[in-house]
Amino acid sequence: MSRPLTFRMMDTHAGGDVSRIVLGGIDALPGATVRDQMHYLRDDADGLRKLLLFEPYGVPEMSVDLVVPATDPEAAAGYIIMEVMGYPIYSGSNTICTATAVLEAGIVPKQEGVQRFTLEAPAGRVNIEARVENGVVEAITCEGLPSYIDTYRATIHVPGLGEVTYSVAYSGGFYALVDATELGFHLNRDEERELAECAHRIVEAIQAERGFSHYTLGDVGPLPFLHFMGPVEQVADDFYRSRSATYVHPGVICRSTTGTGTSARLALMRHEGTIAPGDRLETISLRETGFIGTFTGTREEGAHTVVENTITGKAYVLGHTEVVVNCDDPLVACGGLHHILSARHG
């Protein structure tokens, strides 16, 4: 028998999306930046992602965040995001969960009141504001990526659906934005499977027709995400609310509304002239959880007006685990693990 491999993990969730935070037991990764280290995992060591997102350890609806030493001297820690579709450079819900985990694990000493620190994502430096009350992390506010509208109200023929109107935003990934009401949805939990099937058809049709290029990143692959938008309700002079649902993978609607989906909504609302700097939008999920996006300003980047924003939410700790990886188990594939997961106890 081979010696089991072990590592430490904290399970968390924000808005219902479970993020498994890997805190120890992983060998140092090569790469001058966290982005480089993400590329190494993606190209040469994808075993950790597959291990924790599929049987017997997990399910595709989860995410994994690997905490690594920061390469940016201003950052307290780095983190690499792993999801069923691959390695996104940024995620709001994963950032909220990781920021909470580094506080709970003592990587960043927890302080009462409001405290600020910086994390390093593959997308770069992310400023964090944490609100701690009686030792409990009650809220995390993190920067959303600068977001913009690439396409406004295009139409496409989707087999089985007919003509569908959509917009496309970039907010950490390219999102198709569609009006849920136009497609006959109320965004209730009992629609979850139908929403996933509908989104998959639309995304496949868009992927077959066209690609998208970011103004600095270039080609970032086929459009992966779709965000269903419910009607917008104004609940105060500077505060709006909307039911929402985000599709990320065949069969998978996120439990939360997602931070990047919320950033995409802010970009669309600014494009349509319905919000001003300082306004907030709360997106409400199928499970009645919410994130609050705040529109903080704009700047011009070439041909695009880029929306600066923050995302606020709360993460909950679900458990602390020492994961044992037994490579003799026929359900466990260890082929992308041995060179990153040492036999030392984390």
Foldseek 3Di string as FASTA:
>chain_A
DDFWFKFKWFWKFWLQAIEIETDDQWAAADDLAQLRSLVCCQPFFVQVLVQCCDPPRHHQSHKYKYWAAGNPPQALIEIWIAHPVGTQQDWQGNVQVVVQVCCVVVSPPDDAAWDWGWYQTSVGIKIWIFHADPNAGAKIKIWWAWKAWPAAFDWFQFVPQGIFTWTWMDTSAIETEGEQVVSPDPQAPVCLQVVLVVFVRVQVRQQVPDADADPPRGGPDRRFKYKYWYDWDDPDPQEIETEMWMHGDRRHIHSASIPSNLLNVVNVCVVVVNHDQQHKYWYAHNVRGTKIKGFHDWDDDPPTIITIIMIMTHMDTDDMDIDIGDCVPPRRDCPSPPVTRDRDYD
